[in-house]
Protein backbone atom coordinates (compact mmCIF):
# COMPACT_ATOMS: atom_id res chain seq x y z
CA UNK A 1 18.93 21.89 -14.61
CA UNK A 2 21.32 21.71 -11.67
CA UNK A 3 20.45 19.05 -8.76
CA UNK A 4 20.93 19.48 -5.42
CA UNK A 5 21.59 16.50 -2.47
CA UNK A 6 22.03 17.17 1.04
CA UNK A 7 23.90 14.61 2.74
CA UNK A 8 24.32 14.29 6.64
CA UNK A 9 26.35 12.03 8.02
CA UNK A 10 26.06 11.47 11.40
CA UNK A 11 28.94 11.03 14.13
CA UNK A 12 29.13 10.46 17.93
CA UNK A 13 31.95 11.00 20.30
CA UNK A 14 31.86 10.72 24.05
CA UNK A 15 33.92 13.06 25.87
CA UNK A 16 33.76 16.06 24.17
CA UNK A 17 30.92 18.50 22.97
CA UNK A 18 30.80 21.34 21.08
CA UNK A 19 27.99 23.62 21.48
CA UNK A 20 27.01 26.52 18.57
CA UNK A 21 26.01 26.25 15.09
CA UNK A 22 28.98 25.06 13.43
CA UNK A 23 29.02 24.58 9.56
CA UNK A 24 31.69 22.64 9.26
CA UNK A 25 31.97 18.98 10.14
CA UNK A 26 33.54 18.36 12.99
CA UNK A 27 33.93 16.17 16.16
CA UNK A 28 30.84 16.55 18.67
CA UNK A 29 30.99 13.51 20.73
CA UNK A 30 33.41 10.56 21.55
CA UNK A 31 32.30 7.27 22.64
CA UNK A 32 35.49 5.01 24.16
CA UNK A 33 34.65 1.40 25.47
CA UNK A 34 32.51 -1.12 24.62
CA UNK A 35 30.28 0.69 22.13
CA UNK A 36 28.68 0.57 18.68
CA UNK A 37 25.87 2.59 16.98
CA UNK A 38 22.52 2.23 15.09
CA UNK A 39 20.37 4.43 13.30
CA UNK A 40 16.86 4.74 12.16
CA UNK A 41 14.49 7.34 10.14
CA UNK A 42 12.16 7.84 7.79
CA UNK A 43 11.77 10.16 4.69
CA UNK A 44 8.82 12.93 4.48
CA UNK A 45 8.92 12.27 0.19
CA UNK A 46 6.68 10.17 -0.91
CA UNK A 47 8.71 9.74 -3.97
CA UNK A 48 12.04 10.93 -5.00
CA UNK A 49 11.86 14.37 -5.83
CA UNK A 50 13.30 14.22 -9.18
CA UNK A 51 10.82 12.04 -10.34
CA UNK A 52 7.79 13.90 -10.38
CA UNK A 53 7.13 18.09 -10.80
CA UNK A 54 4.47 17.41 -8.20
CA UNK A 55 4.89 18.45 -4.45
CA UNK A 56 6.29 15.13 -2.67
CA UNK A 57 6.61 16.33 1.06
CA UNK A 58 4.40 15.31 3.97
CA UNK A 59 4.56 16.47 7.49
CA UNK A 60 4.87 13.29 9.51
CA UNK A 61 6.72 9.34 8.88
CA UNK A 62 7.48 6.66 11.00
CA UNK A 63 10.27 4.20 12.00
CA UNK A 64 10.99 1.33 14.06
CA UNK A 65 13.70 1.17 16.78
CA UNK A 66 15.09 -2.70 17.22
CA UNK A 67 17.87 -3.56 19.78
CA UNK A 68 18.95 -6.37 21.13
CA UNK A 69 18.14 -7.12 24.92
CA UNK A 70 21.36 -6.73 26.23
CA UNK A 71 22.08 -3.29 24.40
CA UNK A 72 22.11 -0.46 26.76
CA UNK A 73 21.18 3.11 25.19
CA UNK A 74 23.97 5.32 25.91
CA UNK A 75 22.77 8.39 23.50
CA UNK A 76 20.05 9.06 21.21
CA UNK A 77 20.64 12.10 19.06
CA UNK A 78 17.51 13.32 16.47
CA UNK A 79 18.47 15.32 13.43
CA UNK A 80 15.59 16.63 11.22
CA UNK A 81 16.10 18.52 8.15
CA UNK A 82 14.66 20.00 5.25
CA UNK A 83 14.70 22.72 2.52
CA UNK A 84 13.80 26.10 3.33
CA UNK A 85 14.61 28.90 6.31
CA UNK A 86 13.62 25.95 8.81
CA UNK A 87 11.01 24.86 10.91
CA UNK A 88 12.03 24.38 14.81
CA UNK A 89 9.45 22.86 16.37
CA UNK A 90 8.12 19.23 15.54
CA UNK A 91 6.97 16.01 17.44
CA UNK A 92 8.25 13.17 18.38
CA UNK A 93 5.29 10.45 19.56
CA UNK A 94 3.44 13.60 20.31
CA UNK A 95 6.13 15.01 22.45
CA UNK A 96 6.95 18.41 21.23
CA UNK A 97 10.44 18.94 20.59
CA UNK A 98 12.65 21.92 19.93
CA UNK A 99 16.26 21.79 18.61
CA UNK A 100 19.52 22.19 20.90
CA UNK A 101 21.37 22.97 18.03
CA UNK A 102 20.69 24.46 14.56
CA UNK A 103 22.56 24.44 11.20
CA UNK A 104 21.98 26.35 7.80
CA UNK A 105 23.36 26.48 4.49
CA UNK A 106 22.70 28.45 1.58
CA UNK A 107 23.75 28.38 -2.26
CA UNK A 108 22.94 31.04 -4.99
CA UNK A 109 21.97 29.45 -8.20
CA UNK A 110 21.37 32.12 -11.78
CA UNK A 111 20.47 34.79 -8.74
CA UNK A 112 18.79 32.67 -6.99
CA UNK A 113 19.62 31.71 -2.91
CA UNK A 114 18.38 28.42 -1.78
CA UNK A 115 18.26 27.96 1.77
CA UNK A 116 18.86 24.45 3.54
CA UNK A 117 18.65 23.39 7.18
CA UNK A 118 19.30 20.82 9.98
CA UNK A 119 18.22 20.52 13.40
CA UNK A 120 19.82 18.61 16.32
CA UNK A 121 18.04 17.60 19.95
CA UNK A 122 19.24 15.00 22.58
CA UNK A 123 16.57 12.96 22.95
CA UNK A 124 18.28 10.25 24.98
CA UNK A 125 15.86 10.33 28.07
CA UNK A 126 12.62 9.49 25.64
CA UNK A 127 14.18 6.97 23.90
CA UNK A 128 15.66 5.29 26.85
CA UNK A 129 12.16 5.21 28.47
CA UNK A 130 10.16 4.02 25.35
CA UNK A 131 12.93 1.63 24.36
CA UNK A 132 11.92 -0.60 21.49
CA UNK A 133 9.15 0.19 19.01
CA UNK A 134 7.65 2.36 16.54
CA UNK A 135 8.31 6.23 16.20
CA UNK A 136 6.36 9.01 14.48
CA UNK A 137 8.32 12.61 13.71
CA UNK A 138 5.19 14.77 13.08
CA UNK A 139 4.80 18.66 12.10
CA UNK A 140 8.11 19.02 9.92
CA UNK A 141 6.17 21.37 7.36
CA UNK A 142 8.19 22.80 4.85
CA UNK A 143 5.36 23.75 2.62
CA UNK A 144 5.83 27.51 2.72
CA UNK A 145 9.27 26.55 0.56
CA UNK A 146 8.42 23.45 -1.44
CA UNK A 147 7.22 25.44 -4.36
CA UNK A 148 10.24 27.56 -4.71
CA UNK A 149 12.62 24.44 -4.29
CA UNK A 150 10.57 22.59 -6.98
CA UNK A 151 12.13 24.69 -9.63
CA UNK A 152 15.47 22.80 -8.78
CA UNK A 153 13.75 19.49 -7.57
CA UNK A 154 15.48 20.16 -3.82
CA UNK A 155 12.24 20.10 -2.28
CA UNK A 156 12.70 17.58 0.87
CA UNK A 157 12.19 16.85 4.22
CA UNK A 158 13.21 13.76 6.70
CA UNK A 159 14.53 12.66 10.28
CA UNK A 160 16.84 10.26 11.97
CA UNK A 161 18.01 9.12 15.00
CA UNK A 162 21.58 8.21 15.90
CA UNK A 163 21.69 5.69 18.65
CA UNK A 164 24.87 4.81 20.87
CA UNK A 165 24.40 1.75 22.85
CA UNK A 166 26.66 -0.45 25.12
CA UNK A 167 26.91 -3.97 25.63
CA UNK A 168 29.47 -5.90 27.87
CA UNK A 169 30.03 -8.30 25.08
CA UNK A 170 31.60 -5.98 22.69
CA UNK A 171 35.08 -5.06 22.46
CA UNK A 172 36.56 -1.82 23.33
CA UNK A 173 35.60 0.44 20.44
CA UNK A 174 36.19 4.18 19.94
CA UNK A 175 32.84 5.29 18.45
CA UNK A 176 33.06 9.02 16.81
CA UNK A 177 30.60 11.55 15.75
CA UNK A 178 31.21 13.99 13.65
CA UNK A 179 28.41 16.58 12.64
CA UNK A 180 27.88 20.37 11.02
CA UNK A 181 26.20 21.22 7.71
CA UNK A 182 28.86 21.73 5.17
CA UNK A 183 28.13 21.64 0.92
CA UNK A 184 30.28 19.23 -1.12
CA UNK A 185 30.22 20.69 -4.53
CA UNK A 186 33.03 18.64 -5.47
CA UNK A 187 35.14 17.18 -2.58
CA UNK A 188 34.37 16.98 1.37
CA UNK A 189 37.64 15.85 3.38
CA UNK A 190 37.54 14.63 7.03
CA UNK A 191 40.45 13.57 8.68
CA UNK A 192 40.20 11.37 12.01
CA UNK A 193 43.38 11.64 14.06
CA UNK A 194 44.46 10.29 17.44
CA UNK A 195 43.88 6.66 16.43
CA UNK A 196 45.42 3.49 17.51
CA UNK A 197 44.18 0.59 15.57
CA UNK A 198 44.39 -2.56 17.63
CA UNK A 199 41.95 -4.71 15.33
CA UNK A 200 39.64 -4.09 12.33
CA UNK A 201 37.25 -6.65 12.24
CA UNK A 202 34.16 -5.10 12.76
CA UNK A 203 34.95 -1.68 11.74
CA UNK A 204 32.60 0.44 9.86
CA UNK A 205 31.70 4.15 8.96
CA UNK A 206 28.10 5.57 8.80
CA UNK A 207 26.39 8.55 7.52
CA UNK A 208 22.88 10.00 7.20
CA UNK A 209 22.38 11.82 3.80
CA UNK A 210 19.53 13.71 2.54
CA UNK A 211 17.90 14.23 -0.36
CA UNK A 212 19.83 11.51 -2.51
CA UNK A 213 18.95 10.37 -5.71
CA UNK A 214 18.80 6.47 -6.80
CA UNK A 215 19.04 7.58 -10.94
CA UNK A 216 21.98 9.95 -10.53
CA UNK A 217 25.43 7.63 -10.12
CA UNK A 218 27.58 10.70 -9.72
CA UNK A 219 28.98 10.56 -5.98
CA UNK A 220 31.54 8.49 -4.52
CA UNK A 221 32.76 7.52 -0.77
CA UNK A 222 36.23 7.26 -0.16
CA UNK A 223 38.39 5.63 2.90
CA UNK A 224 41.85 5.91 3.25
CA UNK A 225 41.58 6.24 -0.58
CA UNK A 226 39.57 3.24 -1.08
CA UNK A 227 36.23 3.55 -2.75
CA UNK A 228 33.34 2.09 -0.53
CA UNK A 229 30.85 -0.09 -1.86
CA UNK A 230 28.39 -2.54 -1.07
CA UNK A 231 25.37 -4.51 -2.25
CA UNK A 232 23.00 -1.48 -1.69
CA UNK A 233 25.23 1.39 -2.43
CA UNK A 234 27.10 0.95 -6.03
CA UNK A 235 30.52 2.90 -6.10
CA UNK A 236 29.41 5.60 -7.87
CA UNK A 237 26.13 6.15 -6.69
CA UNK A 238 26.51 6.04 -2.76
CA UNK A 239 23.99 8.41 -2.15
CA UNK A 240 20.87 6.61 -3.41
CA UNK A 241 18.30 6.66 -1.06
CA UNK A 242 19.07 3.75 0.81
CA UNK A 243 19.00 2.25 4.55
CA UNK A 244 21.63 -0.26 5.73
CA UNK A 245 19.81 -1.65 8.58
CA UNK A 246 16.36 -2.15 7.01
CA UNK A 247 17.79 -2.78 3.64
CA UNK A 248 15.18 -0.17 2.38
CA UNK A 249 16.18 1.18 -1.61
CA UNK A 250 13.10 3.95 -1.08
CA UNK A 251 14.14 6.03 2.07
CA UNK A 252 13.70 8.54 -1.05
CA UNK A 253 15.92 11.73 -1.11
CA UNK A 254 17.59 10.01 2.31
CA UNK A 255 20.54 8.17 3.11
CA UNK A 256 21.31 6.05 6.15
CA UNK A 257 24.02 3.65 5.30
CA UNK A 258 26.89 1.94 6.74
CA UNK A 259 29.93 0.47 5.43
CA UNK A 260 32.32 -2.12 6.58
CA UNK A 261 35.88 -0.86 6.71
CA UNK A 262 37.94 -3.58 7.64
CA UNK A 263 40.00 -3.76 4.60
CA UNK A 264 40.26 -0.27 4.79
CA UNK A 265 42.02 0.60 7.76
CA UNK A 266 45.08 -1.34 9.17
CA UNK A 267 45.93 -2.46 12.51
CA UNK A 268 48.79 0.41 13.70
CA UNK A 269 46.76 3.44 12.39
CA UNK A 270 47.34 6.59 13.99
CA UNK A 271 45.06 8.42 11.54
CA UNK A 272 42.55 8.10 8.38
CA UNK A 273 40.77 10.30 6.02
CA UNK A 274 37.42 10.20 4.91
CA UNK A 275 36.58 11.82 1.47
CA UNK A 276 32.88 12.75 -0.20
CA UNK A 277 32.84 13.74 -3.41
CA UNK A 278 30.25 14.73 -5.84
CA UNK A 279 30.15 15.87 -9.42
CA UNK A 280 26.62 16.38 -10.27
CA UNK A 281 24.25 16.83 -7.11
CA UNK A 282 24.99 19.31 -4.55
CA UNK A 283 25.40 17.45 -1.35
CA UNK A 284 25.29 18.74 2.14
CA UNK A 285 26.93 17.09 4.87
CA UNK A 286 25.16 16.77 8.50
CA UNK A 287 26.71 13.71 9.99
CA UNK A 288 29.20 11.12 10.13
CA UNK A 289 29.90 8.15 12.32
CA UNK A 290 32.86 5.45 13.07
CA UNK A 291 33.58 2.58 14.88
CA UNK A 292 37.24 1.49 14.94
CA UNK A 293 38.76 -0.91 17.63
CA UNK A 294 40.78 1.85 18.76
CA UNK A 295 42.71 1.50 21.94
CA UNK A 296 44.23 4.39 23.71
CA UNK A 297 44.50 5.97 26.88
CA UNK A 298 43.14 9.53 27.90
CA UNK A 299 44.83 11.59 30.46
CA UNK A 300 42.37 14.31 32.09
CA UNK A 301 43.66 16.11 35.10
CA UNK A 302 41.58 18.33 37.61
CA UNK A 303 42.78 20.22 39.99
CA UNK A 304 40.41 19.80 43.30
CA UNK A 305 42.16 22.77 45.59
CA UNK A 306 44.78 25.06 46.15
CA UNK A 307 46.07 25.38 49.89
CA UNK A 308 48.19 29.20 50.08
CA UNK A 309 49.58 30.60 53.09
CA UNK A 310 48.95 34.27 54.12
CA UNK A 311 52.01 36.32 52.98
CA UNK A 312 53.47 33.47 51.15
CA UNK A 313 54.46 32.59 47.70
CA UNK A 314 54.38 28.69 48.39
CA UNK A 315 51.06 27.10 47.17
CA UNK A 316 49.91 23.44 47.40
CA UNK A 317 47.94 22.04 44.20
CA UNK A 318 46.43 18.93 45.12
CA UNK A 319 45.30 17.49 41.96
CA UNK A 320 43.46 14.52 40.37
CA UNK A 321 44.69 12.49 36.75
CA UNK A 322 41.91 10.41 35.63
CA UNK A 323 42.03 7.94 32.38
CA UNK A 324 38.15 8.08 31.76
CA UNK A 325 36.52 7.17 28.70
CA UNK A 326 39.32 5.40 27.52
CA UNK A 327 40.58 2.13 26.08
CA UNK A 328 43.30 1.35 27.76
CA UNK A 329 45.29 1.70 30.89
CA UNK A 330 47.40 5.00 31.07
CA UNK A 331 51.17 3.95 31.68
CA UNK A 332 52.92 5.21 34.85
CA UNK A 333 55.62 8.20 34.34
CA UNK A 334 53.05 10.61 32.51
CA UNK A 335 54.70 14.09 33.19
CA UNK A 336 52.57 16.94 34.30
CA UNK A 337 53.50 20.40 33.47
CA UNK A 338 52.50 23.73 35.88
CA UNK A 339 52.17 27.03 34.39
CA UNK A 340 51.46 30.35 36.37
CA UNK A 341 49.91 32.91 33.97
CA UNK A 342 51.73 30.92 30.94
CA UNK A 343 54.78 30.55 32.26
CA UNK A 344 56.40 26.88 33.35
CA UNK A 345 57.04 26.80 36.98
CA UNK A 346 57.15 23.17 38.23
CA UNK A 347 56.97 19.61 37.18
CA UNK A 348 56.02 16.33 38.61
CA UNK A 349 54.94 12.77 37.34
CA UNK A 350 52.35 10.33 37.96
CA UNK A 351 53.93 7.60 39.96
CA UNK A 352 51.43 4.65 39.18
CA UNK A 353 49.65 3.14 36.10
CA UNK A 354 45.88 4.26 35.94
CA UNK A 355 43.67 1.90 34.85
CA UNK A 356 40.73 2.14 32.53
CA UNK A 357 37.85 4.40 34.21
CA UNK A 358 40.63 4.77 37.11
CA UNK A 359 42.16 7.67 38.69
CA UNK A 360 45.24 8.66 40.54
CA UNK A 361 45.36 11.63 43.44
CA UNK A 362 48.61 13.53 44.61
CA UNK A 363 49.63 16.90 45.13
CA UNK A 364 52.81 19.44 44.50
CA UNK A 365 54.32 22.37 46.23
CA UNK A 366 54.72 25.34 43.61
CA UNK A 367 57.46 28.29 44.82
CA UNK A 368 56.21 30.89 42.40
CA UNK A 369 58.95 33.07 41.17
CA UNK A 370 58.72 36.99 42.35
CA UNK A 371 57.45 37.97 38.71
CA UNK A 372 54.14 36.01 39.11
CA UNK A 373 51.38 38.66 39.93
CA UNK A 374 49.40 38.13 43.33
CA UNK A 375 46.60 37.18 41.34
CA UNK A 376 47.29 34.78 38.18
CA UNK A 377 45.98 31.57 36.29
CA UNK A 378 47.51 28.31 37.52
CA UNK A 379 47.33 25.65 34.60
CA UNK A 380 48.02 21.91 35.08
CA UNK A 381 48.75 20.02 31.83
CA UNK A 382 49.02 16.40 31.92
CA UNK A 383 51.14 14.60 29.26
CA UNK A 384 53.16 17.55 29.01
CA UNK A 385 57.19 17.79 29.63
CA UNK A 386 56.93 21.74 30.21
CA UNK A 387 57.12 22.49 26.26
CA UNK A 388 53.56 22.09 25.78
CA UNK A 389 54.31 18.22 24.32
CA UNK A 390 54.11 14.82 26.04
CA UNK A 391 55.19 11.55 24.93
CA UNK A 392 51.82 9.46 24.98
CA UNK A 393 49.43 8.61 22.34
CA UNK A 394 46.30 9.27 23.69
CA UNK A 395 42.43 9.08 22.26
CA UNK A 396 41.65 12.72 22.75
CA UNK A 397 45.14 14.82 22.72
CA UNK A 398 42.89 18.26 23.40
CA UNK A 399 41.35 17.45 26.86
CA UNK A 400 44.76 17.32 29.23
CA UNK A 401 44.99 20.60 30.95
CA UNK A 402 42.88 22.29 33.99
CA UNK A 403 43.26 25.98 34.72
CA UNK A 404 42.26 27.71 38.34
CA UNK A 405 42.36 31.36 38.89
CA UNK A 406 44.73 31.55 42.25
CA UNK A 407 45.06 34.96 44.43
CA UNK A 408 47.85 34.95 46.76
CA UNK A 409 46.84 35.42 50.63
CA UNK A 410 48.01 38.86 52.11
CA UNK A 411 47.71 39.57 55.79
CA UNK A 412 45.50 43.04 56.84
CA UNK A 413 47.72 46.19 56.93
CA UNK A 414 47.45 48.30 59.76
CA UNK A 415 48.13 51.76 60.82
CA UNK A 416 50.50 52.49 63.56
CA UNK A 417 48.73 52.94 66.95
CA UNK A 418 50.31 56.00 69.15
CA UNK A 419 50.36 55.54 73.27
CA UNK A 420 47.66 56.54 75.26
CA UNK A 421 48.09 58.35 78.92
CA UNK A 422 45.90 59.06 81.14
CA UNK A 423 46.19 59.98 84.96
CA UNK A 424 47.59 57.75 87.59
CA UNK A 425 44.85 56.89 89.74
CA UNK A 426 47.19 55.24 92.43
CA UNK A 427 50.09 52.81 91.95
CA UNK A 428 50.08 53.71 88.01
CA UNK A 429 46.37 52.35 87.78
CA UNK A 430 44.37 54.13 84.93
CA UNK A 431 40.94 54.03 83.29
CA UNK A 432 41.31 54.37 79.16
CA UNK A 433 38.89 54.75 76.08
CA UNK A 434 40.69 53.47 73.22
CA UNK A 435 37.30 52.55 71.14
CA UNK A 436 38.31 54.47 68.20
CA UNK A 437 41.29 52.90 67.70
CA UNK A 438 39.20 49.89 66.03
CA UNK A 439 38.73 52.42 63.09
CA UNK A 440 41.82 54.24 63.37
CA UNK A 441 43.94 51.20 62.80
CA UNK A 442 42.14 50.15 59.88
CA UNK A 443 43.14 50.53 56.34
CA UNK A 444 40.40 48.60 54.97
CA UNK A 445 37.10 49.34 56.06
CA UNK A 446 36.00 45.84 55.81
CA UNK A 447 38.63 44.20 58.11
CA UNK A 448 37.58 43.40 61.74
CA UNK A 449 39.70 44.60 64.58
CA UNK A 450 39.42 43.16 68.45
CA UNK A 451 41.59 44.30 71.43
CA UNK A 452 43.37 41.63 73.89
CA UNK A 453 45.73 41.72 76.61
CA UNK A 454 48.53 39.35 75.31
CA UNK A 455 50.01 38.33 72.30
CA UNK A 456 48.94 35.08 72.96
CA UNK A 457 45.36 35.91 73.57
CA UNK A 458 45.35 38.02 70.42
CA UNK A 459 46.75 34.70 68.43
CA UNK A 460 43.96 32.19 69.56
CA UNK A 461 41.18 34.85 69.73
CA UNK A 462 40.66 34.47 73.99
CA UNK A 463 39.72 36.70 76.44
CA UNK A 464 38.91 39.39 74.10
CA UNK A 465 38.41 43.16 75.49
CA UNK A 466 34.95 43.91 75.24
CA UNK A 467 34.51 46.98 76.55
CA UNK A 468 37.54 49.53 75.14
CA UNK A 469 35.58 52.50 76.04
CA UNK A 470 35.90 51.88 79.68
CA UNK A 471 38.85 49.77 80.17
CA UNK A 472 41.09 49.70 83.67
CA UNK A 473 44.60 48.84 83.85
CA UNK A 474 45.85 47.92 87.41
CA UNK A 475 49.33 48.81 86.46
CA UNK A 476 51.14 50.60 83.52
CA UNK A 477 52.71 51.06 81.55
CA UNK A 478 50.04 48.09 79.54
CA UNK A 479 50.47 47.01 75.98
CA UNK A 480 47.10 46.33 74.44
CA UNK A 481 47.26 44.13 71.33
CA UNK A 482 45.41 44.36 68.60
CA UNK A 483 44.35 42.16 65.83
CA UNK A 484 43.16 42.78 62.64
CA UNK A 485 41.50 39.95 60.45
CA UNK A 486 40.42 40.16 56.60
CA UNK A 487 38.55 37.28 55.01
CA UNK A 488 41.67 35.02 55.14
CA UNK A 489 44.76 36.34 57.46
CA UNK A 490 45.38 38.18 60.20
CA UNK A 491 47.77 40.78 61.78
CA UNK A 492 48.97 41.63 65.17
CA UNK A 493 49.84 45.12 66.49
CA UNK A 494 49.95 47.04 69.87
CA UNK A 495 50.02 50.28 71.83
CA UNK A 496 50.92 51.06 75.03
CA UNK A 497 48.63 52.55 78.03
CA UNK A 498 50.66 54.60 80.10
CA UNK A 499 49.88 57.30 83.30
CA UNK A 500 51.22 60.23 84.42
CA UNK A 501 50.67 62.22 87.82
CA UNK A 502 48.17 64.77 87.20
CA UNK A 503 47.93 67.85 89.67
CA UNK A 504 46.11 66.76 93.05
CA UNK A 505 42.85 68.75 93.43
CA UNK A 506 43.06 70.46 96.93
CA UNK A 507 39.93 71.17 98.82
CA UNK A 508 40.87 73.97 100.90
CA UNK A 509 38.11 74.18 103.27
CA UNK A 510 37.83 72.27 107.05
CA UNK A 511 34.51 72.58 108.97
CA UNK A 512 36.31 69.97 112.06
CA UNK A 513 32.81 69.73 113.58
CA UNK A 514 32.81 65.34 113.47
CA UNK A 515 29.81 65.32 111.02
CA UNK A 516 31.87 63.33 108.34
CA UNK A 517 31.85 66.13 105.85
CA UNK A 518 35.17 68.20 105.42
CA UNK A 519 36.39 67.33 108.53
CA UNK A 520 40.18 66.95 107.15
CA UNK A 521 42.23 68.58 104.86
CA UNK A 522 41.39 66.54 101.85
CA UNK A 523 43.66 66.92 98.58
CA UNK A 524 42.21 64.50 95.85
CA UNK A 525 45.18 62.65 93.45
CA UNK A 526 47.52 62.66 95.92
CA UNK A 527 48.01 59.33 98.50
CA UNK A 528 49.33 56.54 96.38
CA UNK A 529 50.21 58.79 93.51
CA UNK A 530 52.85 61.43 95.28
CA UNK A 531 54.43 59.08 97.54
CA UNK A 532 57.11 61.54 98.70
CA UNK A 533 54.80 64.48 99.18
CA UNK A 534 55.20 66.53 101.98
CA UNK A 535 52.66 69.11 103.47
CA UNK A 536 53.41 72.32 105.88
CA UNK A 537 50.60 74.61 107.30
CA UNK A 538 51.48 78.01 108.38
CA UNK A 539 48.92 80.34 110.57
CA UNK A 540 48.39 83.64 109.45
CA UNK A 541 51.69 84.63 110.91
CA UNK A 542 53.75 82.78 109.30
CA UNK A 543 54.44 79.70 112.40
CA UNK A 544 54.49 76.28 111.02
CA UNK A 545 51.83 74.66 112.79
CA UNK A 546 51.67 70.83 111.03
CA UNK A 547 53.72 68.78 108.81
CA UNK A 548 52.58 65.64 106.98
CA UNK A 549 53.26 62.86 104.29
CA UNK A 550 52.69 59.52 103.08
CA UNK A 551 52.67 57.69 106.34
CA UNK A 552 50.67 60.76 108.42
CA UNK A 553 46.88 61.19 108.55
CA UNK A 554 45.04 64.08 106.68
CA UNK A 555 45.16 67.09 109.18
CA UNK A 556 41.83 67.54 111.26
CA UNK A 557 42.38 70.83 112.49
CA UNK A 558 44.11 70.17 115.54
CA UNK A 559 47.36 71.55 116.45
CA UNK A 560 50.17 70.11 119.34
CA UNK A 561 51.35 72.77 122.31
CA UNK A 562 53.79 70.46 124.09
CA UNK A 563 52.20 67.13 124.86
CA UNK A 564 48.72 68.04 124.23
CA UNK A 565 46.66 68.48 121.06
CA UNK A 566 44.23 72.03 120.92
CA UNK A 567 41.87 73.01 117.75
CA UNK A 568 43.21 75.23 115.61
CA UNK A 569 41.61 78.80 115.60
CA UNK A 570 39.05 79.82 113.19
CA UNK A 571 40.44 81.75 110.11
CA UNK A 572 42.60 81.30 107.14
CA UNK A 573 45.90 79.30 106.91
CA UNK A 574 48.52 79.03 104.48
CA UNK A 575 50.08 75.64 103.26
CA UNK A 576 53.01 74.58 100.98
CA UNK A 577 52.30 70.95 99.30
CA UNK A 578 55.66 69.38 98.34
CA UNK A 579 54.87 66.68 95.86
CA UNK A 580 58.88 65.79 95.23
CA UNK A 581 58.26 64.95 91.52
CA UNK A 582 60.23 65.86 88.75
CA UNK A 583 57.41 67.01 86.92
CA UNK A 584 56.49 69.41 90.14
CA UNK A 585 59.72 71.27 91.12
CA UNK A 586 57.80 73.70 93.09
CA UNK A 587 55.37 73.42 95.61
CA UNK A 588 51.86 74.12 95.79
CA UNK A 589 50.65 76.53 97.70
CA UNK A 590 47.28 77.97 98.38
CA UNK A 591 45.13 79.22 101.26
CA UNK A 592 43.08 76.68 103.85
CA UNK A 593 40.28 78.12 105.99
CA UNK A 594 39.21 76.49 108.73
CA UNK A 595 35.75 76.89 110.72
CA UNK A 596 34.59 74.66 113.67
């Protein structure tokens, strides 16, 4: 009967995090610096599942974490796995755990489908708080699937915690974590790229494997084509229920193994290859961990701000280049390409070297081509000469870009405003209502409109006209400036206030009795407006009895006879009002009534 084994290879990579239920083994996270790794965990199988026809799993087991006093826990990742569709609620030291990510695998044997699962949880805080000591994982229950999997002896369950720790006494290393859930019916190959091996001392690779059987010697593990083995793991039986940390040979259908790589990788290597083979047992890979003395920079870039000016296609991008999470300084002269909507538009480069965990800030001015729309994606790529390629080997070649959505600033548009004309109230003075212009001038209803008496005031938003519905202009023509603001920009337009000489209003009744009411011939809208006017008053027989102009007082009902004045007789008189204005070529005429 075909046998199955689940291999979990745990790999930790700081700086890159891939979420989701990734099935293929791939880079999960990377740590660059003075890092190393270890792990601990235990099987839930009381014996190897191929050694009995009885149920072998329990729901809890314990293991011990032992770190040196100067080891600082950076990350702690819990993986648990088993047969069946999955149990995704477990307890770690009585604390409820639900997964951040889950993995699954299924295979068909003689028309029967067998499913397997693994789950992941970041338990860093809990492990940092508790530290060294005993840990118990409980309530991992696969009993609903055990009888079914017992048919092919793949009933298993277990857990492991991967620890990434930092210690200032360690050399600069790169620790990579790869995970997923991938079957190994024959061969599984994992490529490690972007390497720059400086020293191969203490280089190692570790993995977590489920369901390995010590009695089935049908598997190999090679690194760069060289089979790996050690005292616990024969060259043809690497998945044999062993724990390299504790030296245990009774991990029962689970492997926590570490292999030395000093003789399998060379100084200067830029890549490596892991190959897992199984020709009898079925293996499922969950996680692989490597530690290499890999000294390379890692350039990343962030756009801090974009400065734009209204109605300009010139923008300034402030950015920072980082060399974080690296194991070597970043040299000067690293190219930086700028793209707008995927089109290469500008180029610059770093001026100074950037040390490990250092940064360099600068800015670049970009003159956008006319074909770039007003809203576009601005992309800055470090270590790129403008062709999509750079020239500096890095730890991670896939984290060199930063994009920002940019919208160019446009001043608000406006409708042209016509002049407003009011009656001359004297010496071109007038009163105006232009409050409706606040809405008429706008092409965008959300714009803000304000009125000012000068362009300077409109520019500086000072001395705003607060009551446009009753504005008095002391002299006309008068230019009124209108400022229209949107969220970012403004525009200024203007219109004219004009006055015209409106027809005067004649009050044609005189009661010359000195009671201060209608004592004189009153004409409203005449003086200070029609400066050259002339008035002639005639009696009923057509005799001219009085003349007046701008320099004379209003007629009070007296006429001159010789050197004396006498009251005009009560009755009807006739007047001629010559305005001497081009708009009024004919005199205004009418009757005037006097009553003493």
